[in-house]
ModelCIF file with pLDDT and N, C-alpha, C, O atoms, coordinates in Angstrom:
data_MODEL
#
_entry.id   MODEL 
#
_entity.id                         1 
_entity.type                       polymer 
_entity.pdbx_number_of_molecules   1 
#
_entity_poly.entity_id                      1 
_entity_poly.type                           'polypeptide(L)' 
_entity_poly.nstd_linkage                   no 
_entity_poly.nstd_monomer                   no 
_entity_poly.pdbx_seq_one_letter_code       GSAPNIAASWIDSFLKQYDKAEFSIIDGNSDEL 
_entity_poly.pdbx_seq_one_letter_code_can   GSAPNIAASWIDSFLKQYDKAEFSIIDGNSDEL 
_entity_poly.pdbx_strand_id                 A 
#
loop_
_entity_poly_seq.entity_id 
_entity_poly_seq.num 
_entity_poly_seq.mon_id 
_entity_poly_seq.hetero 
1 1  GLY n 
1 2  SER n 
1 3  ALA n 
1 4  PRO n 
1 5  ASN n 
1 6  ILE n 
1 7  ALA n 
1 8  ALA n 
1 9  SER n 
1 10 TRP n 
1 11 ILE n 
1 12 ASP n 
1 13 SER n 
1 14 PHE n 
1 15 LEU n 
1 16 LYS n 
1 17 GLN n 
1 18 TYR n 
1 19 ASP n 
1 20 LYS n 
1 21 ALA n 
1 22 GLU n 
1 23 PHE n 
1 24 SER n 
1 25 ILE n 
1 26 ILE n 
1 27 ASP n 
1 28 GLY n 
1 29 ASN n 
1 30 SER n 
1 31 ASP n 
1 32 GLU n 
1 33 LEU n 
#
_struct_asym.id          A 
_struct_asym.entity_id   1 
#
loop_
_ma_qa_metric.id 
_ma_qa_metric.mode 
_ma_qa_metric.name 
_ma_qa_metric.software_group_id 
_ma_qa_metric.type 
1 global pLDDT . pLDDT 
2 local  pLDDT . pLDDT 
#
_ma_qa_metric_global.metric_id      1 
_ma_qa_metric_global.metric_value   89.85 
_ma_qa_metric_global.model_id       1 
_ma_qa_metric_global.ordinal_id     1 
#
loop_
_ma_qa_metric_local.label_asym_id 
_ma_qa_metric_local.label_comp_id 
_ma_qa_metric_local.label_seq_id 
_ma_qa_metric_local.metric_id 
_ma_qa_metric_local.metric_value 
_ma_qa_metric_local.model_id 
_ma_qa_metric_local.ordinal_id 
A GLY 1  2 78.00 1 1  
A SER 2  2 82.00 1 2  
A ALA 3  2 88.00 1 3  
A PRO 4  2 89.00 1 4  
A ASN 5  2 88.00 1 5  
A ILE 6  2 90.00 1 6  
A ALA 7  2 94.00 1 7  
A ALA 8  2 94.00 1 8  
A SER 9  2 93.00 1 9  
A TRP 10 2 95.00 1 10 
A ILE 11 2 96.00 1 11 
A ASP 12 2 95.00 1 12 
A SER 13 2 94.00 1 13 
A PHE 14 2 93.00 1 14 
A LEU 15 2 93.00 1 15 
A LYS 16 2 91.00 1 16 
A GLN 17 2 88.00 1 17 
A TYR 18 2 87.00 1 18 
A ASP 19 2 85.00 1 19 
A LYS 20 2 84.00 1 20 
A ALA 21 2 89.00 1 21 
A GLU 22 2 90.00 1 22 
A PHE 23 2 94.00 1 23 
A SER 24 2 92.00 1 24 
A ILE 25 2 94.00 1 25 
A ILE 26 2 92.00 1 26 
A ASP 27 2 89.00 1 27 
A GLY 28 2 85.00 1 28 
A ASN 29 2 85.00 1 29 
A SER 30 2 89.00 1 30 
A ASP 31 2 88.00 1 31 
A GLU 32 2 88.00 1 32 
A LEU 33 2 93.00 1 33 
#
loop_
_atom_site.group_PDB 
_atom_site.id 
_atom_site.type_symbol 
_atom_site.label_atom_id 
_atom_site.label_alt_id 
_atom_site.label_comp_id 
_atom_site.label_asym_id 
_atom_site.label_entity_id 
_atom_site.label_seq_id 
_atom_site.pdbx_PDB_ins_code 
_atom_site.Cartn_x 
_atom_site.Cartn_y 
_atom_site.Cartn_z 
_atom_site.occupancy 
_atom_site.B_iso_or_equiv 
_atom_site.pdbx_formal_charge 
_atom_site.auth_seq_id 
_atom_site.auth_comp_id 
_atom_site.auth_asym_id 
_atom_site.auth_atom_id 
_atom_site.pdbx_PDB_model_num 
ATOM 1   N N  . GLY A 1 1  ? 47.143 96.366 107.805 1.00 78.00 ? 1  GLY A N  1 
ATOM 2   C CA . GLY A 1 1  ? 47.343 97.051 105.989 1.00 78.00 ? 1  GLY A CA 1 
ATOM 3   C C  . GLY A 1 1  ? 47.038 95.688 105.240 1.00 78.00 ? 1  GLY A C  1 
ATOM 4   O O  . GLY A 1 1  ? 46.176 94.841 105.473 1.00 78.00 ? 1  GLY A O  1 
ATOM 5   N N  . SER A 1 2  ? 48.252 95.761 104.038 1.00 82.00 ? 2  SER A N  1 
ATOM 6   C CA . SER A 1 2  ? 48.346 95.015 103.243 1.00 82.00 ? 2  SER A CA 1 
ATOM 7   C C  . SER A 1 2  ? 48.755 93.805 103.615 1.00 82.00 ? 2  SER A C  1 
ATOM 8   O O  . SER A 1 2  ? 48.296 92.889 102.932 1.00 82.00 ? 2  SER A O  1 
ATOM 9   N N  . ALA A 1 3  ? 49.513 93.493 104.531 1.00 88.00 ? 3  ALA A N  1 
ATOM 10  C CA . ALA A 1 3  ? 50.455 92.437 104.759 1.00 88.00 ? 3  ALA A CA 1 
ATOM 11  C C  . ALA A 1 3  ? 49.181 91.230 105.163 1.00 88.00 ? 3  ALA A C  1 
ATOM 12  O O  . ALA A 1 3  ? 49.634 90.119 104.887 1.00 88.00 ? 3  ALA A O  1 
ATOM 13  N N  . PRO A 1 4  ? 48.012 91.146 105.621 1.00 89.00 ? 4  PRO A N  1 
ATOM 14  C CA . PRO A 1 4  ? 47.409 89.646 105.353 1.00 89.00 ? 4  PRO A CA 1 
ATOM 15  C C  . PRO A 1 4  ? 46.649 89.187 104.042 1.00 89.00 ? 4  PRO A C  1 
ATOM 16  O O  . PRO A 1 4  ? 45.908 88.222 103.856 1.00 89.00 ? 4  PRO A O  1 
ATOM 17  N N  . ASN A 1 5  ? 47.162 90.396 103.024 1.00 88.00 ? 5  ASN A N  1 
ATOM 18  C CA . ASN A 1 5  ? 46.440 89.963 101.720 1.00 88.00 ? 5  ASN A CA 1 
ATOM 19  C C  . ASN A 1 5  ? 47.615 89.351 101.148 1.00 88.00 ? 5  ASN A C  1 
ATOM 20  O O  . ASN A 1 5  ? 47.608 88.187 100.747 1.00 88.00 ? 5  ASN A O  1 
ATOM 21  N N  . ILE A 1 6  ? 48.906 90.320 101.089 1.00 90.00 ? 6  ILE A N  1 
ATOM 22  C CA . ILE A 1 6  ? 50.099 89.523 100.759 1.00 90.00 ? 6  ILE A CA 1 
ATOM 23  C C  . ILE A 1 6  ? 50.470 88.287 100.897 1.00 90.00 ? 6  ILE A C  1 
ATOM 24  O O  . ILE A 1 6  ? 50.878 87.568 99.986  1.00 90.00 ? 6  ILE A O  1 
ATOM 25  N N  . ALA A 1 7  ? 50.309 87.905 102.360 1.00 94.00 ? 7  ALA A N  1 
ATOM 26  C CA . ALA A 1 7  ? 50.432 86.737 103.142 1.00 94.00 ? 7  ALA A CA 1 
ATOM 27  C C  . ALA A 1 7  ? 50.139 85.450 102.616 1.00 94.00 ? 7  ALA A C  1 
ATOM 28  O O  . ALA A 1 7  ? 50.790 84.410 102.514 1.00 94.00 ? 7  ALA A O  1 
ATOM 29  N N  . ALA A 1 8  ? 48.658 85.897 102.220 1.00 94.00 ? 8  ALA A N  1 
ATOM 30  C CA . ALA A 1 8  ? 47.726 84.863 101.994 1.00 94.00 ? 8  ALA A CA 1 
ATOM 31  C C  . ALA A 1 8  ? 48.047 84.462 100.689 1.00 94.00 ? 8  ALA A C  1 
ATOM 32  O O  . ALA A 1 8  ? 47.835 83.259 100.539 1.00 94.00 ? 8  ALA A O  1 
ATOM 33  N N  . SER A 1 9  ? 48.514 85.069 99.608  1.00 93.00 ? 9  SER A N  1 
ATOM 34  C CA . SER A 1 9  ? 48.945 84.258 98.380  1.00 93.00 ? 9  SER A CA 1 
ATOM 35  C C  . SER A 1 9  ? 50.651 83.244 98.676  1.00 93.00 ? 9  SER A C  1 
ATOM 36  O O  . SER A 1 9  ? 51.050 82.214 98.134  1.00 93.00 ? 9  SER A O  1 
ATOM 37  N N  . TRP A 1 10 ? 51.209 84.013 99.621  1.00 95.00 ? 10 TRP A N  1 
ATOM 38  C CA . TRP A 1 10 ? 52.576 82.750 99.731  1.00 95.00 ? 10 TRP A CA 1 
ATOM 39  C C  . TRP A 1 10 ? 52.240 81.759 100.725 1.00 95.00 ? 10 TRP A C  1 
ATOM 40  O O  . TRP A 1 10 ? 53.072 80.866 100.885 1.00 95.00 ? 10 TRP A O  1 
ATOM 41  N N  . ILE A 1 11 ? 51.079 81.729 101.500 1.00 96.00 ? 11 ILE A N  1 
ATOM 42  C CA . ILE A 1 11 ? 50.755 80.459 102.369 1.00 96.00 ? 11 ILE A CA 1 
ATOM 43  C C  . ILE A 1 11 ? 49.851 79.829 101.654 1.00 96.00 ? 11 ILE A C  1 
ATOM 44  O O  . ILE A 1 11 ? 49.684 78.753 102.227 1.00 96.00 ? 11 ILE A O  1 
ATOM 45  N N  . ASP A 1 12 ? 49.074 79.893 100.595 1.00 95.00 ? 12 ASP A N  1 
ATOM 46  C CA . ASP A 1 12 ? 48.539 79.527 99.749  1.00 95.00 ? 12 ASP A CA 1 
ATOM 47  C C  . ASP A 1 12 ? 49.408 78.368 99.343  1.00 95.00 ? 12 ASP A C  1 
ATOM 48  O O  . ASP A 1 12 ? 49.352 77.235 99.823  1.00 95.00 ? 12 ASP A O  1 
ATOM 49  N N  . SER A 1 13 ? 50.542 78.963 98.023  1.00 94.00 ? 13 SER A N  1 
ATOM 50  C CA . SER A 1 13 ? 50.816 78.645 97.115  1.00 94.00 ? 13 SER A CA 1 
ATOM 51  C C  . SER A 1 13 ? 52.256 77.420 98.294  1.00 94.00 ? 13 SER A C  1 
ATOM 52  O O  . SER A 1 13 ? 52.927 76.595 97.673  1.00 94.00 ? 13 SER A O  1 
ATOM 53  N N  . PHE A 1 14 ? 52.404 77.535 99.519  1.00 93.00 ? 14 PHE A N  1 
ATOM 54  C CA . PHE A 1 14 ? 53.518 77.024 100.114 1.00 93.00 ? 14 PHE A CA 1 
ATOM 55  C C  . PHE A 1 14 ? 52.631 76.063 100.825 1.00 93.00 ? 14 PHE A C  1 
ATOM 56  O O  . PHE A 1 14 ? 53.234 75.048 101.175 1.00 93.00 ? 14 PHE A O  1 
ATOM 57  N N  . LEU A 1 15 ? 51.265 76.098 101.162 1.00 93.00 ? 15 LEU A N  1 
ATOM 58  C CA . LEU A 1 15 ? 50.862 74.642 101.592 1.00 93.00 ? 15 LEU A CA 1 
ATOM 59  C C  . LEU A 1 15 ? 50.538 73.456 100.746 1.00 93.00 ? 15 LEU A C  1 
ATOM 60  O O  . LEU A 1 15 ? 50.361 72.313 101.166 1.00 93.00 ? 15 LEU A O  1 
ATOM 61  N N  . LYS A 1 16 ? 50.464 73.973 99.152  1.00 91.00 ? 16 LYS A N  1 
ATOM 62  C CA . LYS A 1 16 ? 50.582 72.936 98.317  1.00 91.00 ? 16 LYS A CA 1 
ATOM 63  C C  . LYS A 1 16 ? 51.702 72.430 97.884  1.00 91.00 ? 16 LYS A C  1 
ATOM 64  O O  . LYS A 1 16 ? 51.678 71.513 97.063  1.00 91.00 ? 16 LYS A O  1 
ATOM 65  N N  . GLN A 1 17 ? 52.623 72.833 98.262  1.00 88.00 ? 17 GLN A N  1 
ATOM 66  C CA . GLN A 1 17 ? 54.057 72.501 98.319  1.00 88.00 ? 17 GLN A CA 1 
ATOM 67  C C  . GLN A 1 17 ? 54.330 71.626 99.557  1.00 88.00 ? 17 GLN A C  1 
ATOM 68  O O  . GLN A 1 17 ? 54.815 70.495 99.524  1.00 88.00 ? 17 GLN A O  1 
ATOM 69  N N  . TYR A 1 18 ? 53.975 72.264 100.579 1.00 87.00 ? 18 TYR A N  1 
ATOM 70  C CA . TYR A 1 18 ? 54.102 71.363 102.089 1.00 87.00 ? 18 TYR A CA 1 
ATOM 71  C C  . TYR A 1 18 ? 53.099 70.794 102.838 1.00 87.00 ? 18 TYR A C  1 
ATOM 72  O O  . TYR A 1 18 ? 53.073 71.032 104.046 1.00 87.00 ? 18 TYR A O  1 
ATOM 73  N N  . ASP A 1 19 ? 52.171 70.002 102.278 1.00 85.00 ? 19 ASP A N  1 
ATOM 74  C CA . ASP A 1 19 ? 51.001 70.223 102.841 1.00 85.00 ? 19 ASP A CA 1 
ATOM 75  C C  . ASP A 1 19 ? 51.044 69.674 104.189 1.00 85.00 ? 19 ASP A C  1 
ATOM 76  O O  . ASP A 1 19 ? 49.885 69.711 104.603 1.00 85.00 ? 19 ASP A O  1 
ATOM 77  N N  . LYS A 1 20 ? 51.817 69.180 105.082 1.00 84.00 ? 20 LYS A N  1 
ATOM 78  C CA . LYS A 1 20 ? 51.854 68.725 106.182 1.00 84.00 ? 20 LYS A CA 1 
ATOM 79  C C  . LYS A 1 20 ? 52.115 70.204 107.018 1.00 84.00 ? 20 LYS A C  1 
ATOM 80  O O  . LYS A 1 20 ? 51.639 70.195 108.153 1.00 84.00 ? 20 LYS A O  1 
ATOM 81  N N  . ALA A 1 21 ? 52.705 71.285 106.672 1.00 89.00 ? 21 ALA A N  1 
ATOM 82  C CA . ALA A 1 21 ? 52.828 72.372 107.292 1.00 89.00 ? 21 ALA A CA 1 
ATOM 83  C C  . ALA A 1 21 ? 51.484 73.063 107.776 1.00 89.00 ? 21 ALA A C  1 
ATOM 84  O O  . ALA A 1 21 ? 50.467 73.046 107.083 1.00 89.00 ? 21 ALA A O  1 
ATOM 85  N N  . GLU A 1 22 ? 51.562 73.697 109.071 1.00 90.00 ? 22 GLU A N  1 
ATOM 86  C CA . GLU A 1 22 ? 50.293 74.609 109.664 1.00 90.00 ? 22 GLU A CA 1 
ATOM 87  C C  . GLU A 1 22 ? 50.884 75.945 110.257 1.00 90.00 ? 22 GLU A C  1 
ATOM 88  O O  . GLU A 1 22 ? 51.947 76.002 110.876 1.00 90.00 ? 22 GLU A O  1 
ATOM 89  N N  . PHE A 1 23 ? 50.166 76.870 110.023 1.00 94.00 ? 23 PHE A N  1 
ATOM 90  C CA . PHE A 1 23 ? 50.338 78.191 110.055 1.00 94.00 ? 23 PHE A CA 1 
ATOM 91  C C  . PHE A 1 23 ? 49.544 78.591 111.623 1.00 94.00 ? 23 PHE A C  1 
ATOM 92  O O  . PHE A 1 23 ? 48.463 78.120 111.978 1.00 94.00 ? 23 PHE A O  1 
ATOM 93  N N  . SER A 1 24 ? 50.303 79.473 112.342 1.00 92.00 ? 24 SER A N  1 
ATOM 94  C CA . SER A 1 24 ? 49.725 80.209 113.778 1.00 92.00 ? 24 SER A CA 1 
ATOM 95  C C  . SER A 1 24 ? 49.985 81.756 113.234 1.00 92.00 ? 24 SER A C  1 
ATOM 96  O O  . SER A 1 24 ? 51.106 82.253 113.121 1.00 92.00 ? 24 SER A O  1 
ATOM 97  N N  . ILE A 1 25 ? 48.909 82.328 112.964 1.00 94.00 ? 25 ILE A N  1 
ATOM 98  C CA . ILE A 1 25 ? 48.935 84.005 112.425 1.00 94.00 ? 25 ILE A CA 1 
ATOM 99  C C  . ILE A 1 25 ? 48.333 84.896 113.641 1.00 94.00 ? 25 ILE A C  1 
ATOM 100 O O  . ILE A 1 25 ? 47.134 84.906 113.919 1.00 94.00 ? 25 ILE A O  1 
ATOM 101 N N  . ILE A 1 26 ? 49.496 85.772 114.449 1.00 92.00 ? 26 ILE A N  1 
ATOM 102 C CA . ILE A 1 26 ? 49.053 86.474 115.114 1.00 92.00 ? 26 ILE A CA 1 
ATOM 103 C C  . ILE A 1 26 ? 49.483 87.869 114.307 1.00 92.00 ? 26 ILE A C  1 
ATOM 104 O O  . ILE A 1 26 ? 50.441 88.080 113.562 1.00 92.00 ? 26 ILE A O  1 
ATOM 105 N N  . ASP A 1 27 ? 48.185 88.908 114.835 1.00 89.00 ? 27 ASP A N  1 
ATOM 106 C CA . ASP A 1 27 ? 47.991 90.281 113.971 1.00 89.00 ? 27 ASP A CA 1 
ATOM 107 C C  . ASP A 1 27 ? 48.702 91.185 115.226 1.00 89.00 ? 27 ASP A C  1 
ATOM 108 O O  . ASP A 1 27 ? 49.013 90.558 116.239 1.00 89.00 ? 27 ASP A O  1 
ATOM 109 N N  . GLY A 1 28 ? 48.961 92.637 115.177 1.00 85.00 ? 28 GLY A N  1 
ATOM 110 C CA . GLY A 1 28 ? 49.722 93.311 115.958 1.00 85.00 ? 28 GLY A CA 1 
ATOM 111 C C  . GLY A 1 28 ? 50.259 94.649 114.976 1.00 85.00 ? 28 GLY A C  1 
ATOM 112 O O  . GLY A 1 28 ? 50.382 94.662 113.751 1.00 85.00 ? 28 GLY A O  1 
ATOM 113 N N  . ASN A 1 29 ? 50.460 95.475 115.711 1.00 85.00 ? 29 ASN A N  1 
ATOM 114 C CA . ASN A 1 29 ? 51.243 96.480 115.001 1.00 85.00 ? 29 ASN A CA 1 
ATOM 115 C C  . ASN A 1 29 ? 52.716 96.260 115.319 1.00 85.00 ? 29 ASN A C  1 
ATOM 116 O O  . ASN A 1 29 ? 53.089 95.645 116.318 1.00 85.00 ? 29 ASN A O  1 
ATOM 117 N N  . SER A 1 30 ? 53.649 96.874 114.284 1.00 89.00 ? 30 SER A N  1 
ATOM 118 C CA . SER A 1 30 ? 54.804 96.864 114.036 1.00 89.00 ? 30 SER A CA 1 
ATOM 119 C C  . SER A 1 30 ? 55.638 96.442 115.254 1.00 89.00 ? 30 SER A C  1 
ATOM 120 O O  . SER A 1 30 ? 56.261 95.384 115.341 1.00 89.00 ? 30 SER A O  1 
ATOM 121 N N  . ASP A 1 31 ? 55.576 97.300 116.079 1.00 88.00 ? 31 ASP A N  1 
ATOM 122 C CA . ASP A 1 31 ? 56.327 97.383 117.471 1.00 88.00 ? 31 ASP A CA 1 
ATOM 123 C C  . ASP A 1 31 ? 55.524 96.257 118.164 1.00 88.00 ? 31 ASP A C  1 
ATOM 124 O O  . ASP A 1 31 ? 56.328 95.379 118.477 1.00 88.00 ? 31 ASP A O  1 
ATOM 125 N N  . GLU A 1 32 ? 54.930 96.099 118.338 1.00 88.00 ? 32 GLU A N  1 
ATOM 126 C CA . GLU A 1 32 ? 53.945 94.645 118.944 1.00 88.00 ? 32 GLU A CA 1 
ATOM 127 C C  . GLU A 1 32 ? 54.739 93.199 118.270 1.00 88.00 ? 32 GLU A C  1 
ATOM 128 O O  . GLU A 1 32 ? 55.213 92.302 118.966 1.00 88.00 ? 32 GLU A O  1 
ATOM 129 N N  . LEU A 1 33 ? 54.742 93.221 117.288 1.00 93.00 ? 33 LEU A N  1 
ATOM 130 C CA . LEU A 1 33 ? 55.258 91.998 116.674 1.00 93.00 ? 33 LEU A CA 1 
ATOM 131 C C  . LEU A 1 33 ? 56.773 91.586 116.690 1.00 93.00 ? 33 LEU A C  1 
ATOM 132 O O  . LEU A 1 33 ? 57.134 90.540 116.152 1.00 93.00 ? 33 LEU A O  1 
#
């Protein structure tokens, strides 16, 4: 749904502040997550 698009803006701005951070993203439905 909208979650990946919403999270993309957070990740973009966060990496500008913490350039040594790394993300691991997993998809799934709510119950799976």
